[in-house]
Protein backbone atom coordinates (compact mmCIF):
# COMPACT_ATOMS: atom_id res chain seq x y z
CA UNK A 1 -3.89 21.28 -10.34
CA UNK A 2 -4.70 18.27 -8.20
CA UNK A 3 -1.16 17.79 -6.90
CA UNK A 4 -0.99 21.25 -5.33
CA UNK A 5 -2.02 21.01 -1.69
CA UNK A 6 -1.61 24.64 -0.58
CA UNK A 7 -0.48 27.89 -2.16
CA UNK A 8 0.39 30.91 -0.11
CA UNK A 9 1.08 34.24 -1.79
CA UNK A 10 2.34 37.21 0.12
CA UNK A 11 3.93 40.54 -0.63
CA UNK A 12 6.80 41.60 1.59
CA UNK A 13 7.53 45.17 2.62
CA UNK A 14 10.35 45.47 0.09
CA UNK A 15 7.93 44.71 -2.76
CA UNK A 16 8.98 41.08 -3.23
CA UNK A 17 6.11 38.77 -4.03
CA UNK A 18 6.69 35.41 -2.32
CA UNK A 19 4.80 32.33 -3.52
CA UNK A 20 5.00 29.14 -1.44
CA UNK A 21 3.59 25.98 -3.01
CA UNK A 22 3.14 22.72 -1.07
CA UNK A 23 2.61 19.60 -3.12
CA UNK A 24 0.79 16.49 -2.01
CA UNK A 25 2.93 13.54 -0.91
CA UNK A 26 2.10 10.29 -2.75
CA UNK A 27 1.58 7.27 -0.49
CA UNK A 28 0.15 4.45 -2.63
CA UNK A 29 -1.16 3.53 -6.04
CA UNK A 30 -4.84 2.66 -5.63
CA UNK A 31 -7.18 0.70 -7.86
CA UNK A 32 -10.81 1.63 -7.30
CA UNK A 33 -13.85 1.25 -9.53
CA UNK A 34 -11.75 0.09 -12.47
CA UNK A 35 -9.60 3.22 -12.34
CA UNK A 36 -6.11 3.93 -11.11
CA UNK A 37 -5.39 6.70 -8.60
CA UNK A 38 -2.55 7.88 -6.46
CA UNK A 39 -3.44 8.24 -2.78
CA UNK A 40 -1.68 11.03 -0.92
CA UNK A 41 -0.60 10.94 2.72
CA UNK A 42 -4.00 12.31 3.79
CA UNK A 43 -6.06 9.69 1.94
CA UNK A 44 -7.07 11.85 -1.02
CA UNK A 45 -7.34 9.93 -4.31
CA UNK A 46 -5.76 11.90 -7.12
CA UNK A 47 -5.46 11.23 -10.84
CA UNK A 48 -2.01 9.92 -11.75
CA UNK A 49 0.27 12.73 -12.91
CA UNK A 50 1.40 12.91 -16.51
CA UNK A 51 4.19 10.44 -17.18
CA UNK A 52 3.17 8.24 -14.26
CA UNK A 53 4.67 4.89 -15.22
CA UNK A 54 3.32 1.44 -14.53
CA UNK A 55 6.08 0.85 -12.01
CA UNK A 56 6.55 3.55 -9.41
CA UNK A 57 9.40 3.03 -7.00
CA UNK A 58 8.36 3.06 -3.37
CA UNK A 59 4.58 3.13 -3.82
CA UNK A 60 2.64 0.06 -2.76
CA UNK A 61 -0.32 -0.92 -4.93
CA UNK A 62 -3.56 -1.12 -2.97
CA UNK A 63 -6.94 -2.63 -3.79
CA UNK A 64 -10.04 -3.49 -1.78
CA UNK A 65 -10.61 0.00 -0.37
CA UNK A 66 -14.25 0.56 0.66
CA UNK A 67 -16.19 3.22 -1.22
CA UNK A 68 -14.43 6.56 -0.72
CA UNK A 69 -16.49 9.59 0.19
CA UNK A 70 -16.58 12.79 -1.85
CA UNK A 71 -14.39 15.59 -0.65
CA UNK A 72 -15.22 19.29 -0.78
CA UNK A 73 -13.02 20.05 -3.81
CA UNK A 74 -14.36 17.13 -5.81
CA UNK A 75 -11.64 14.61 -4.94
CA UNK A 76 -12.41 11.22 -3.46
CA UNK A 77 -11.05 10.46 -0.01
CA UNK A 78 -10.62 7.06 1.65
CA UNK A 79 -11.86 6.38 5.17
CA UNK A 80 -9.52 6.84 8.16
CA UNK A 81 -9.23 3.13 8.88
CA UNK A 82 -8.10 2.31 5.33
CA UNK A 83 -5.69 5.26 5.34
CA UNK A 84 -4.22 4.08 8.65
CA UNK A 85 -3.73 0.55 7.34
CA UNK A 86 -2.06 1.72 4.14
CA UNK A 87 0.20 4.16 6.02
CA UNK A 88 1.22 1.54 8.58
CA UNK A 89 1.89 -1.07 5.92
CA UNK A 90 3.89 1.36 3.75
CA UNK A 91 6.00 2.48 6.71
CA UNK A 92 6.68 -1.12 7.70
CA UNK A 93 7.50 -2.04 4.11
CA UNK A 94 10.07 0.74 3.88
CA UNK A 95 11.72 -0.64 7.04
CA UNK A 96 12.04 -4.19 5.68
CA UNK A 97 13.94 -3.88 2.38
CA UNK A 98 13.86 -7.63 1.57
CA UNK A 99 10.07 -7.64 1.72
CA UNK A 100 9.81 -4.39 -0.24
CA UNK A 101 11.52 -6.06 -3.20
CA UNK A 102 8.95 -8.87 -3.32
CA UNK A 103 5.63 -7.33 -2.23
CA UNK A 104 3.48 -6.21 -5.16
CA UNK A 105 0.02 -5.40 -3.84
CA UNK A 106 -1.85 -4.93 -0.57
CA UNK A 107 -5.51 -5.95 -0.61
CA UNK A 108 -7.66 -4.57 2.22
CA UNK A 109 -10.28 -6.91 3.65
CA UNK A 110 -12.63 -6.53 6.56
CA UNK A 111 -12.60 -8.82 9.62
CA UNK A 112 -8.79 -8.77 10.07
CA UNK A 113 -7.99 -10.55 6.79
CA UNK A 114 -6.04 -8.01 4.71
CA UNK A 115 -3.38 -9.69 2.62
CA UNK A 116 -0.56 -8.95 0.21
CA UNK A 117 0.68 -10.67 -2.92
CA UNK A 118 4.21 -11.33 -4.04
CA UNK A 119 5.73 -11.17 -7.51
CA UNK A 120 5.59 -14.54 -9.21
CA UNK A 121 3.71 -16.40 -6.46
CA UNK A 122 -0.09 -16.87 -6.41
CA UNK A 123 -0.22 -17.20 -2.59
CA UNK A 124 -2.06 -14.74 -0.36
CA UNK A 125 0.04 -13.63 2.59
CA UNK A 126 -2.43 -12.63 5.30
CA UNK A 127 -1.28 -9.82 7.60
CA UNK A 128 -4.64 -8.77 9.05
CA UNK A 129 -5.76 -5.30 10.05
CA UNK A 130 -4.38 -5.03 13.56
CA UNK A 131 -0.96 -3.54 12.82
CA UNK A 132 2.48 -4.93 13.72
CA UNK A 133 3.18 -5.00 10.00
CA UNK A 134 6.93 -4.69 10.43
CA UNK A 135 7.04 -7.82 12.57
CA UNK A 136 4.80 -9.68 10.09
CA UNK A 137 6.93 -8.59 7.12
CA UNK A 138 10.09 -9.70 8.92
CA UNK A 139 8.41 -13.06 9.61
CA UNK A 140 7.48 -13.18 5.91
CA UNK A 141 11.14 -12.61 4.97
CA UNK A 142 12.29 -15.47 7.16
CA UNK A 143 9.55 -17.76 5.81
CA UNK A 144 10.43 -16.79 2.24
CA UNK A 145 14.12 -17.53 2.70
CA UNK A 146 13.75 -20.72 4.70
CA UNK A 147 10.70 -22.34 3.04
CA UNK A 148 9.63 -20.89 -0.30
CA UNK A 149 13.16 -20.48 -1.64
CA UNK A 150 13.61 -24.24 -1.10
CA UNK A 151 10.14 -25.54 -2.07
CA UNK A 152 9.55 -23.11 -4.94
CA UNK A 153 6.74 -20.84 -6.06
CA UNK A 154 3.12 -21.93 -6.03
CA UNK A 155 3.36 -24.40 -3.13
CA UNK A 156 0.90 -22.50 -0.94
CA UNK A 157 -2.51 -20.96 -1.50
CA UNK A 158 -2.53 -19.04 1.80
CA UNK A 159 0.24 -18.10 4.22
CA UNK A 160 -1.09 -16.62 7.46
CA UNK A 161 1.37 -14.31 9.23
CA UNK A 162 -1.02 -12.96 11.89
CA UNK A 163 -0.01 -15.20 14.78
CA UNK A 164 2.93 -14.65 17.09
CA UNK A 165 5.87 -16.99 16.48
CA UNK A 166 3.82 -19.09 14.05
CA UNK A 167 3.11 -19.20 10.34
CA UNK A 168 0.11 -21.18 9.17
CA UNK A 169 -0.16 -22.34 5.58
CA UNK A 170 -2.73 -23.86 3.24
CA UNK A 171 -1.28 -25.91 0.43
CA UNK A 172 -2.09 -25.01 -3.14
CA UNK A 173 -4.70 -27.22 -4.76
CA UNK A 174 -3.09 -29.86 -6.90
CA UNK A 175 -4.38 -30.48 -10.41
CA UNK A 176 -6.15 -33.89 -10.85
């Protein structure tokens, strides 16, 4: 019963048996080692529950997580840094509804180069590893509305959102 976090059973003085079950809180859908997992809010990688669809509302898809370590009950657990990045990004994403509609996957990279992808566009939107994801996602929303909505999909290979008040782009390679 992977999704059960804690169970507490106690008998009260009046003979009532009270059972309290705490379930794990899903945070992200994770792809690791060719398999799909659901990461809970503590970084534990769990098998997807029965009936887990291909599209789960509110869960960001994450790839690029370094090798998780084994946990005492046999479950894999991601490192603290990766968990912090995924939590921060997910929180920021829930605060910027326009971006949440478009963002499809977060890919973790070392050396401050984590990026996300957007539905229908091959560009990498670099947000880095240093936080301020809400600000970067808001900047992404403005860039999307003012530039990409006019120029169209596929115009850029890389869009770098890491710098204050600036967005740097690399054009997509044109076919010869």
